[in-house]
PDB file of N, CA and C in Angstrom:
ATOM      1  N   ILE A   1      13.087  26.151 -22.792  1.00  0.00           N
ATOM      2  CA  ILE A   1      12.242  26.041 -21.946  1.00  0.00           C
ATOM      3  C   ILE A   1      12.191  27.034 -20.915  1.00  0.00           C
ATOM      4  N   PRO A   2      11.046  27.567 -20.694  1.00  0.00           N
ATOM      5  CA  PRO A   2      10.800  28.501 -19.854  1.00  0.00           C
ATOM      6  C   PRO A   2      10.729  27.226 -18.733  1.00  0.00           C
ATOM      7  N   VAL A   3      11.437  28.670 -17.634  1.00  0.00           N
ATOM      8  CA  VAL A   3      11.419  28.187 -16.116  1.00  0.00           C
ATOM      9  C   VAL A   3      10.267  27.749 -15.250  1.00  0.00           C
ATOM     10  N   ASP A   4       9.129  28.397 -15.786  1.00  0.00           N
ATOM     11  CA  ASP A   4       8.007  28.055 -15.336  1.00  0.00           C
ATOM     12  C   ASP A   4       7.327  26.424 -16.189  1.00  0.00           C
ATOM     13  N   GLY A   5       7.727  25.971 -17.122  1.00  0.00           N
ATOM     14  CA  GLY A   5       7.482  24.748 -17.845  1.00  0.00           C
ATOM     15  C   GLY A   5       8.255  23.833 -17.371  1.00  0.00           C
ATOM     16  N   LEU A   6       9.399  24.193 -16.404  1.00  0.00           N
ATOM     17  CA  LEU A   6      10.260  23.570 -15.585  1.00  0.00           C
ATOM     18  C   LEU A   6       9.974  22.689 -14.589  1.00  0.00           C
ATOM     19  N   ALA A   7       9.064  23.914 -13.763  1.00  0.00           N
ATOM     20  CA  ALA A   7       8.935  23.542 -12.472  1.00  0.00           C
ATOM     21  C   ALA A   7       7.637  22.644 -12.721  1.00  0.00           C
ATOM     22  N   LYS A   8       6.772  23.079 -13.429  1.00  0.00           N
ATOM     23  CA  LYS A   8       4.801  22.330 -13.901  1.00  0.00           C
ATOM     24  C   LYS A   8       5.615  20.805 -14.532  1.00  0.00           C
ATOM     25  N   ASP A   9       6.902  20.928 -15.152  1.00  0.00           N
ATOM     26  CA  ASP A   9       6.575  19.081 -15.921  1.00  0.00           C
ATOM     27  C   ASP A   9       7.607  18.741 -14.059  1.00  0.00           C
ATOM     28  N   PHE A  10       7.881  19.354 -13.337  1.00  0.00           N
ATOM     29  CA  PHE A  10       8.865  18.435 -12.509  1.00  0.00           C
ATOM     30  C   PHE A  10       7.801  18.260 -11.193  1.00  0.00           C
ATOM     31  N   LEU A  11       6.767  19.245 -11.342  1.00  0.00           N
ATOM     32  CA  LEU A  11       5.974  19.053 -10.589  1.00  0.00           C
ATOM     33  C   LEU A  11       4.712  17.520 -10.780  1.00  0.00           C
ATOM     34  N   MET A  12       4.608  17.644 -11.996  1.00  0.00           N
ATOM     35  CA  MET A  12       4.158  16.536 -12.769  1.00  0.00           C
ATOM     36  C   MET A  12       4.702  15.425 -12.628  1.00  0.00           C
ATOM     37  N   TRP A  13       5.584  15.575 -12.941  1.00  0.00           N
ATOM     38  CA  TRP A  13       6.342  14.038 -12.397  1.00  0.00           C
ATOM     39  C   TRP A  13       6.503  13.739 -10.668  1.00  0.00           C
ATOM     40  N   ARG A  14       6.219  15.012  -9.696  1.00  0.00           N
ATOM     41  CA  ARG A  14       6.305  14.203  -8.495  1.00  0.00           C
ATOM     42  C   ARG A  14       5.244  13.577  -8.210  1.00  0.00           C
ATOM     43  N   LEU A  15       3.914  13.980  -8.839  1.00  0.00           N
ATOM     44  CA  LEU A  15       2.779  13.741  -8.606  1.00  0.00           C
ATOM     45  C   LEU A  15       2.494  12.365  -9.170  1.00  0.00           C
ATOM     46  N   LYS A  16       3.174  12.269 -10.365  1.00  0.00           N
ATOM     47  CA  LYS A  16       2.890  10.716 -10.487  1.00  0.00           C
ATOM     48  C   LYS A  16       3.903   9.777  -9.572  1.00  0.00           C
ATOM     49  N   MET A  17       4.869  10.216  -8.960  1.00  0.00           N
ATOM     50  CA  MET A  17       5.872   9.160  -8.387  1.00  0.00           C
ATOM     51  C   MET A  17       5.088   9.342  -7.534  1.00  0.00           C
ATOM     52  N   LEU A  18       4.538  10.173  -6.602  1.00  0.00           N
ATOM     53  CA  LEU A  18       3.693  10.048  -5.332  1.00  0.00           C
ATOM     54  C   LEU A  18       2.557   9.222  -5.400  1.00  0.00           C
ATOM     55  N   ARG A  19       1.721   9.421  -6.585  1.00  0.00           N
ATOM     56  CA  ARG A  19       0.573   8.242  -6.981  1.00  0.00           C
ATOM     57  C   ARG A  19       1.406   6.578  -6.991  1.00  0.00           C
ATOM     58  N   ALA A  20       2.482   6.465  -8.080  1.00  0.00           N
ATOM     59  CA  ALA A  20       2.553   5.679  -8.345  1.00  0.00           C
ATOM     60  C   ALA A  20       2.525   4.429  -6.147  1.00  0.00           C
ATOM     61  N   ALA A  21       3.540   5.540  -4.999  1.00  0.00           N
ATOM     62  CA  ALA A  21       4.342   5.025  -4.037  1.00  0.00           C
ATOM     63  C   ALA A  21       2.987   5.265  -3.205  1.00  0.00           C
ATOM     64  N   SER A  22       2.056   5.419  -3.449  1.00  0.00           N
ATOM     65  CA  SER A  22       0.767   5.031  -2.950  1.00  0.00           C
ATOM     66  C   SER A  22       0.154   3.718  -3.030  1.00  0.00           C
ATOM     67  N   SER A  23      -0.215   3.952  -4.140  1.00  0.00           N
ATOM     68  CA  SER A  23      -0.703   2.454  -4.833  1.00  0.00           C
ATOM     69  C   SER A  23       0.255   1.432  -4.897  1.00  0.00           C
ATOM     70  N   TYR A  24       1.636   1.231  -4.130  1.00  0.00           N
ATOM     71  CA  TYR A  24       2.304   0.458  -3.808  1.00  0.00           C
ATOM     72  C   TYR A  24       2.354   0.174  -2.366  1.00  0.00           C
ATOM     73  N   ALA A  25       2.379   0.991  -1.196  1.00  0.00           N
ATOM     74  CA  ALA A  25       2.153   0.590  -0.001  1.00  0.00           C
ATOM     75  C   ALA A  25       0.564   0.566   0.278  1.00  0.00           C
ATOM     76  N   ASN A  26      -0.417   0.779  -0.164  1.00  0.00           N
ATOM     77  CA  ASN A  26      -1.930   0.501  -0.411  1.00  0.00           C
ATOM     78  C   ASN A  26      -2.118  -0.883  -0.695  1.00  0.00           C
ATOM     79  N   ALA A  27      -1.355  -2.122  -1.638  1.00  0.00           N
ATOM     80  CA  ALA A  27      -1.505  -2.585  -2.279  1.00  0.00           C
ATOM     81  C   ALA A  27      -0.444  -3.767  -0.912  1.00  0.00           C
ATOM     82  N   ARG A  28       0.259  -2.974  -0.636  1.00  0.00           N
ATOM     83  CA  ARG A  28       1.064  -3.651   0.293  1.00  0.00           C
ATOM     84  C   ARG A  28       0.547  -4.023   1.764  1.00  0.00           C
ATOM     85  N   LEU A  29      -0.405  -3.134   2.305  1.00  0.00           N
ATOM     86  CA  LEU A  29      -1.038  -2.793   3.493  1.00  0.00           C
ATOM     87  C   LEU A  29      -2.316  -3.795   3.197  1.00  0.00           C
ATOM     88  N   HIS A  30      -2.656  -4.074   1.927  1.00  0.00           N
ATOM     89  CA  HIS A  30      -4.023  -4.448   1.955  1.00  0.00           C
ATOM     90  C   HIS A  30      -3.335  -6.161   2.034  1.00  0.00           C
ATOM     91  N   ALA A  31      -2.604  -6.818   1.612  1.00  0.00           N
ATOM     92  CA  ALA A  31      -1.844  -7.655   1.664  1.00  0.00           C
ATOM     93  C   ALA A  31      -1.350  -8.091   3.034  1.00  0.00           C
ATOM     94  N   VAL A  32      -0.702  -7.490   4.208  1.00  0.00           N
ATOM     95  CA  VAL A  32      -0.382  -7.404   5.065  1.00  0.00           C
ATOM     96  C   VAL A  32      -1.968  -7.797   6.226  1.00  0.00           C
ATOM     97  N   LYS A  33      -2.611  -6.796   5.787  1.00  0.00           N
ATOM     98  CA  LYS A  33      -4.044  -7.471   6.484  1.00  0.00           C
ATOM     99  C   LYS A  33      -5.051  -8.209   6.354  1.00  0.00           C
ATOM    100  N   SER A  34      -4.523  -8.731   4.914  1.00  0.00           N
ATOM    101  CA  SER A  34      -4.764 -10.192   4.957  1.00  0.00           C
ATOM    102  C   SER A  34      -4.182 -11.351   5.398  1.00  0.00           C
ATOM    103  N   GLU A  35      -3.014 -11.136   5.510  1.00  0.00           N
ATOM    104  CA  GLU A  35      -2.233 -12.595   5.821  1.00  0.00           C
ATOM    105  C   GLU A  35      -2.799 -12.464   7.789  1.00  0.00           C
ATOM    106  N   GLY A  36      -2.651 -10.795   8.076  1.00  0.00           N
ATOM    107  CA  GLY A  36      -2.941 -11.282   9.675  1.00  0.00           C
ATOM    108  C   GLY A  36      -4.760 -11.613  10.085  1.00  0.00           C
ATOM    109  N   LEU A  37      -5.454 -11.742   8.273  1.00  0.00           N
ATOM    110  CA  LEU A  37      -7.000 -12.054   9.152  1.00  0.00           C
ATOM    111  C   LEU A  37      -6.682 -13.556   8.302  1.00  0.00           C
ATOM    112  N   VAL A  38      -5.306 -14.535   7.669  1.00  0.00           N
ATOM    113  CA  VAL A  38      -5.798 -15.392   7.915  1.00  0.00           C
ATOM    114  C   VAL A  38      -5.249 -15.972   8.819  1.00  0.00           C
ATOM    115  N   LEU A  39      -4.256 -15.585   9.731  1.00  0.00           N
ATOM    116  CA  LEU A  39      -3.445 -16.024  10.973  1.00  0.00           C
ATOM    117  C   LEU A  39      -4.483 -15.949  11.800  1.00  0.00           C
ATOM    118  N   ALA A  40      -4.956 -14.818  12.371  1.00  0.00           N
ATOM    119  CA  ALA A  40      -6.552 -14.493  13.090  1.00  0.00           C
ATOM    120  C   ALA A  40      -7.085 -16.122  12.609  1.00  0.00           C
ATOM    121  N   ARG A  41      -7.612 -16.165  11.709  1.00  0.00           N
ATOM    122  CA  ARG A  41      -8.942 -17.258  11.541  1.00  0.00           C
ATOM    123  C   ARG A  41      -7.855 -18.251  11.987  1.00  0.00           C
ATOM    124  N   PHE A  42      -6.632 -18.877  11.981  1.00  0.00           N
ATOM    125  CA  PHE A  42      -6.493 -19.802  11.839  1.00  0.00           C
ATOM    126  C   PHE A  42      -5.994 -19.976  13.694  1.00  0.00           C
ATOM    127  N   LEU A  43      -5.458 -19.304  14.260  1.00  0.00           N
ATOM    128  CA  LEU A  43      -5.125 -18.848  15.342  1.00  0.00           C
ATOM    129  C   LEU A  43      -6.960 -19.601  16.121  1.00  0.00           C
ATOM    130  N   THR A  44      -7.843 -18.565  15.931  1.00  0.00           N
ATOM    131  CA  THR A  44      -9.446 -18.652  16.491  1.00  0.00           C
ATOM    132  C   THR A  44      -9.386 -20.586  15.852  1.00  0.00           C
ATOM    133  N   GLY A  45      -9.486 -21.235  15.112  1.00  0.00           N
ATOM    134  CA  GLY A  45      -9.714 -22.018  14.916  1.00  0.00           C
ATOM    135  C   GLY A  45      -8.911 -23.713  15.800  1.00  0.00           C
ATOM    136  N   THR A  46      -7.599 -22.889  15.850  1.00  0.00           N
ATOM    137  CA  THR A  46      -6.662 -23.735  16.786  1.00  0.00           C
ATOM    138  C   THR A  46      -6.945 -23.761  18.075  1.00  0.00           C
ATOM    139  N   LEU A  47      -7.853 -22.321  18.628  1.00  0.00           N
ATOM    140  CA  LEU A  47      -7.899 -22.576  20.095  1.00  0.00           C
ATOM    141  C   LEU A  47      -9.749 -23.272  20.919  1.00  0.00           C
ATOM    142  N   LYS A  48     -10.214 -23.094  19.693  1.00  0.00           N
ATOM    143  CA  LYS A  48     -11.210 -23.695  19.910  1.00  0.00           C
ATOM    144  C   LYS A  48     -11.557 -25.311  20.010  1.00  0.00           C
ATOM    145  N   HIS A  49     -10.667 -26.092  19.236  1.00  0.00           N
ATOM    146  CA  HIS A  49     -10.670 -27.293  19.046  1.00  0.00           C
ATOM    147  C   HIS A  49      -9.200 -27.816  19.775  1.00  0.00           C
ATOM    148  N   SER A  50      -8.788 -26.686  20.938  1.00  0.00           N
ATOM    149  CA  SER A  50      -7.418 -27.666  21.606  1.00  0.00           C
ATOM    150  C   SER A  50      -7.860 -27.706  22.912  1.00  0.00           C
ATOM    151  N   TYR A  51      -9.364 -27.561  23.465  1.00  0.00           N
ATOM    152  CA  TYR A  51      -9.374 -28.383  24.084  1.00  0.00           C
ATOM    153  C   TYR A  51     -10.009 -29.930  24.701  1.00  0.00           C
TER     154      TYR A  51
END
């Protein structure tokens, strides 16, 4: 296998890993944002009815 082939394979593998990491991070950020919105809605509802 030529060195150029190894470099190309390595770069393709690296891009695949970066895409997978990006997808995972985006999913986690979405989950945390959703949890924050639920908590904010709960706290807002609690404050409105606590008088």
